[in-house]
Amino acid sequence: MDTNGSVARHVLFNAAGMQLAVPANFVKSIHESLPTQPVAGTLEWFLGLSVANGKLLPVTDLGLFLDRQASQGVTLELEPDMAVAALKVDEVMGVTEMQARGDVDTPTMDAKLQSTRLLLTGESVDHKGGLHRVLDLPALLQSSAFVNIKELDL
């Protein structure tokens, strides 16, 4: 249960081979197919702009952002009070009502989860034998690496 006594729900997903989760109240909708218009002069992981429900929506490929392979699946549109943004991921496994728990093995984290851009809460959700690390979405969305989409001048 969360601090107000309700069950904490998480959206479970895979991005570039990493099993991750975010609180379900951070996700507005999941788009199976969301065409994106590239924006010139931006980094590769910033896919560009889409239109969802009549509004512009910036889309980031989470796999590429984390210095992995491009995501090939669905797009998670975030709640507007979180950010006007969306994350492309490979697959959504579903929503669970399992309570996130603190990790005991964070210092010995799996090598595939090592990335300076991967911001985790230190919690995980166990689902069907798979451990989904909880993405620290507020920290990610405020990080300079995520906000600065301008292509680097060489």
Protein backbone atom coordinates (compact mmCIF):
# COMPACT_ATOMS: atom_id res chain seq x y z
CA MET A 1 0.00 0.00 0.00
CA ASP A 2 1.13 3.54 -0.58
CA THR A 3 1.16 6.29 2.03
CA ASN A 4 -2.60 6.97 1.76
CA GLY A 5 -3.52 3.30 2.28
CA SER A 6 -4.35 2.38 -1.32
CA VAL A 7 -2.65 -0.33 -3.34
CA ALA A 8 0.32 0.91 -5.36
CA ARG A 9 -0.10 -0.04 -9.02
CA HIS A 10 2.81 -0.18 -11.46
CA VAL A 11 3.02 -0.41 -15.24
CA LEU A 12 5.57 -3.12 -16.06
CA PHE A 13 7.54 -2.86 -19.28
CA ASN A 14 10.67 -3.86 -21.15
CA ALA A 15 12.98 -1.33 -22.79
CA ALA A 16 16.15 -2.49 -24.55
CA GLY A 17 16.27 -5.74 -22.57
CA MET A 18 15.70 -4.07 -19.20
CA GLN A 19 12.66 -4.92 -17.11
CA LEU A 20 11.38 -1.67 -15.64
CA ALA A 21 8.29 -0.28 -13.92
CA VAL A 22 6.71 3.09 -13.26
CA PRO A 23 3.82 3.98 -10.96
CA ALA A 24 0.61 3.54 -12.96
CA ASN A 25 -0.64 6.99 -11.94
CA PHE A 26 2.24 8.49 -13.97
CA VAL A 27 0.94 6.96 -17.24
CA LYS A 28 -2.01 8.53 -19.06
CA SER A 29 -2.26 6.01 -21.89
CA ILE A 30 -0.42 3.37 -23.87
CA HIS A 31 -0.28 3.82 -27.64
CA GLU A 32 0.20 0.77 -29.87
CA SER A 33 1.05 2.87 -32.90
CA LEU A 34 1.93 6.52 -32.63
CA PRO A 35 3.46 8.14 -35.73
CA THR A 36 6.27 10.54 -34.86
CA GLN A 37 7.59 13.44 -36.89
CA PRO A 38 11.37 13.86 -36.47
CA VAL A 39 12.69 17.26 -35.41
CA ALA A 40 15.87 18.42 -37.15
CA GLY A 41 18.87 19.20 -34.95
CA THR A 42 17.90 16.88 -32.10
CA LEU A 43 19.67 13.87 -30.64
CA GLU A 44 18.91 10.41 -32.03
CA TRP A 45 17.01 9.23 -28.95
CA PHE A 46 14.53 12.12 -29.24
CA LEU A 47 12.17 10.64 -31.82
CA GLY A 48 10.29 13.88 -32.37
CA LEU A 49 6.70 15.01 -32.02
CA SER A 50 3.47 13.06 -32.23
CA VAL A 51 -0.13 14.13 -31.97
CA ALA A 52 -2.17 12.38 -29.29
CA ASN A 53 -5.72 13.46 -28.55
CA GLY A 54 -5.22 16.64 -30.55
CA LYS A 55 -2.11 17.74 -28.62
CA LEU A 56 1.59 17.74 -29.49
CA LEU A 57 3.54 15.10 -27.61
CA PRO A 58 7.36 14.91 -27.51
CA VAL A 59 8.50 11.27 -27.76
CA THR A 60 11.78 9.82 -26.44
CA ASP A 61 13.06 6.35 -27.30
CA LEU A 62 13.93 5.04 -23.83
CA GLY A 63 16.23 2.31 -25.19
CA LEU A 64 18.33 4.78 -27.20
CA PHE A 65 18.29 7.31 -24.37
CA LEU A 66 19.82 4.66 -22.09
CA ASP A 67 22.58 4.01 -24.68
CA ARG A 68 21.04 0.70 -25.76
CA GLN A 69 19.22 -0.43 -28.91
CA ALA A 70 16.16 1.37 -30.24
CA SER A 71 12.79 0.45 -28.76
CA GLN A 72 10.45 -1.23 -31.21
CA GLY A 73 7.12 -1.37 -29.42
CA VAL A 74 4.59 0.85 -27.74
CA THR A 75 4.60 4.40 -26.43
CA LEU A 76 3.78 5.34 -22.85
CA GLU A 77 2.11 8.76 -22.76
CA LEU A 78 2.77 10.34 -19.38
CA GLU A 79 0.21 12.16 -17.29
CA PRO A 80 0.31 15.89 -18.14
CA ASP A 81 0.86 16.88 -14.51
CA MET A 82 4.01 14.71 -14.61
CA ALA A 83 5.23 16.05 -17.98
CA VAL A 84 4.02 16.54 -21.50
CA ALA A 85 6.13 13.68 -22.81
CA ALA A 86 6.06 10.07 -23.93
CA LEU A 87 8.50 7.17 -23.74
CA LYS A 88 8.80 4.58 -26.47
CA VAL A 89 9.49 1.13 -24.99
CA ASP A 90 9.58 -2.40 -26.40
CA GLU A 91 6.74 -4.11 -24.60
CA VAL A 92 4.27 -3.52 -21.80
CA MET A 93 3.79 -6.65 -19.70
CA GLY A 94 0.81 -5.24 -17.84
CA VAL A 95 -0.16 -3.51 -14.64
CA THR A 96 0.42 -5.05 -11.25
CA GLU A 97 -0.86 -4.21 -7.81
CA MET A 98 2.21 -5.72 -6.16
CA GLN A 99 3.83 -3.38 -3.67
CA ALA A 100 7.29 -2.17 -4.69
CA ARG A 101 9.99 -3.21 -2.26
CA GLY A 102 13.44 -1.86 -1.55
CA ASP A 103 16.26 -3.64 -3.34
CA VAL A 104 18.90 -5.40 -1.30
CA ASP A 105 21.23 -5.94 -4.25
CA THR A 106 21.45 -2.43 -5.73
CA PRO A 107 25.28 -2.23 -5.40
CA THR A 108 25.63 -5.48 -7.37
CA MET A 109 23.09 -4.52 -10.00
CA ASP A 110 23.00 -6.54 -13.20
CA ALA A 111 25.52 -5.21 -15.76
CA LYS A 112 22.76 -4.58 -18.34
CA LEU A 113 21.23 -2.02 -15.96
CA GLN A 114 24.42 0.01 -15.68
CA SER A 115 23.94 3.42 -17.28
CA THR A 116 24.62 6.91 -16.06
CA ARG A 117 21.23 7.92 -17.47
CA LEU A 118 19.22 5.14 -15.84
CA LEU A 119 17.68 6.70 -12.74
CA LEU A 120 16.08 4.18 -10.41
CA THR A 121 14.21 4.61 -7.12
CA GLY A 122 16.00 1.67 -5.49
CA GLU A 123 12.74 -0.27 -5.45
CA SER A 124 11.57 -3.18 -7.55
CA VAL A 125 8.37 -5.06 -8.32
CA ASP A 126 8.44 -8.85 -8.59
CA HIS A 127 6.08 -10.10 -11.30
CA LYS A 128 5.86 -13.70 -12.50
CA GLY A 129 9.40 -14.39 -11.38
CA GLY A 130 10.82 -11.30 -13.07
CA LEU A 131 12.22 -8.36 -11.18
CA HIS A 132 11.18 -4.97 -12.59
CA ARG A 133 13.24 -2.04 -11.31
CA VAL A 134 11.20 1.10 -10.62
CA LEU A 135 12.26 3.99 -12.82
CA ASP A 136 12.60 7.31 -10.98
CA LEU A 137 10.47 9.12 -13.53
CA PRO A 138 10.42 12.56 -11.82
CA ALA A 139 14.24 12.57 -11.59
CA LEU A 140 14.59 11.35 -15.18
CA LEU A 141 12.25 14.03 -16.54
CA GLN A 142 14.17 16.77 -14.71
CA SER A 143 17.65 15.52 -15.60
CA SER A 144 19.71 17.68 -17.92
CA ALA A 145 20.48 14.62 -20.07
CA PHE A 146 16.74 14.18 -20.77
CA VAL A 147 15.85 17.85 -21.19
CA ASN A 148 18.73 18.79 -23.50
CA ILE A 149 17.68 17.30 -26.84
CA LYS A 150 19.83 19.51 -29.08
CA GLU A 151 22.22 17.59 -31.30
CA LEU A 152 25.80 18.16 -30.24
CA ASP A 153 27.93 20.34 -32.48
CA LEU A 154 31.22 18.69 -33.36
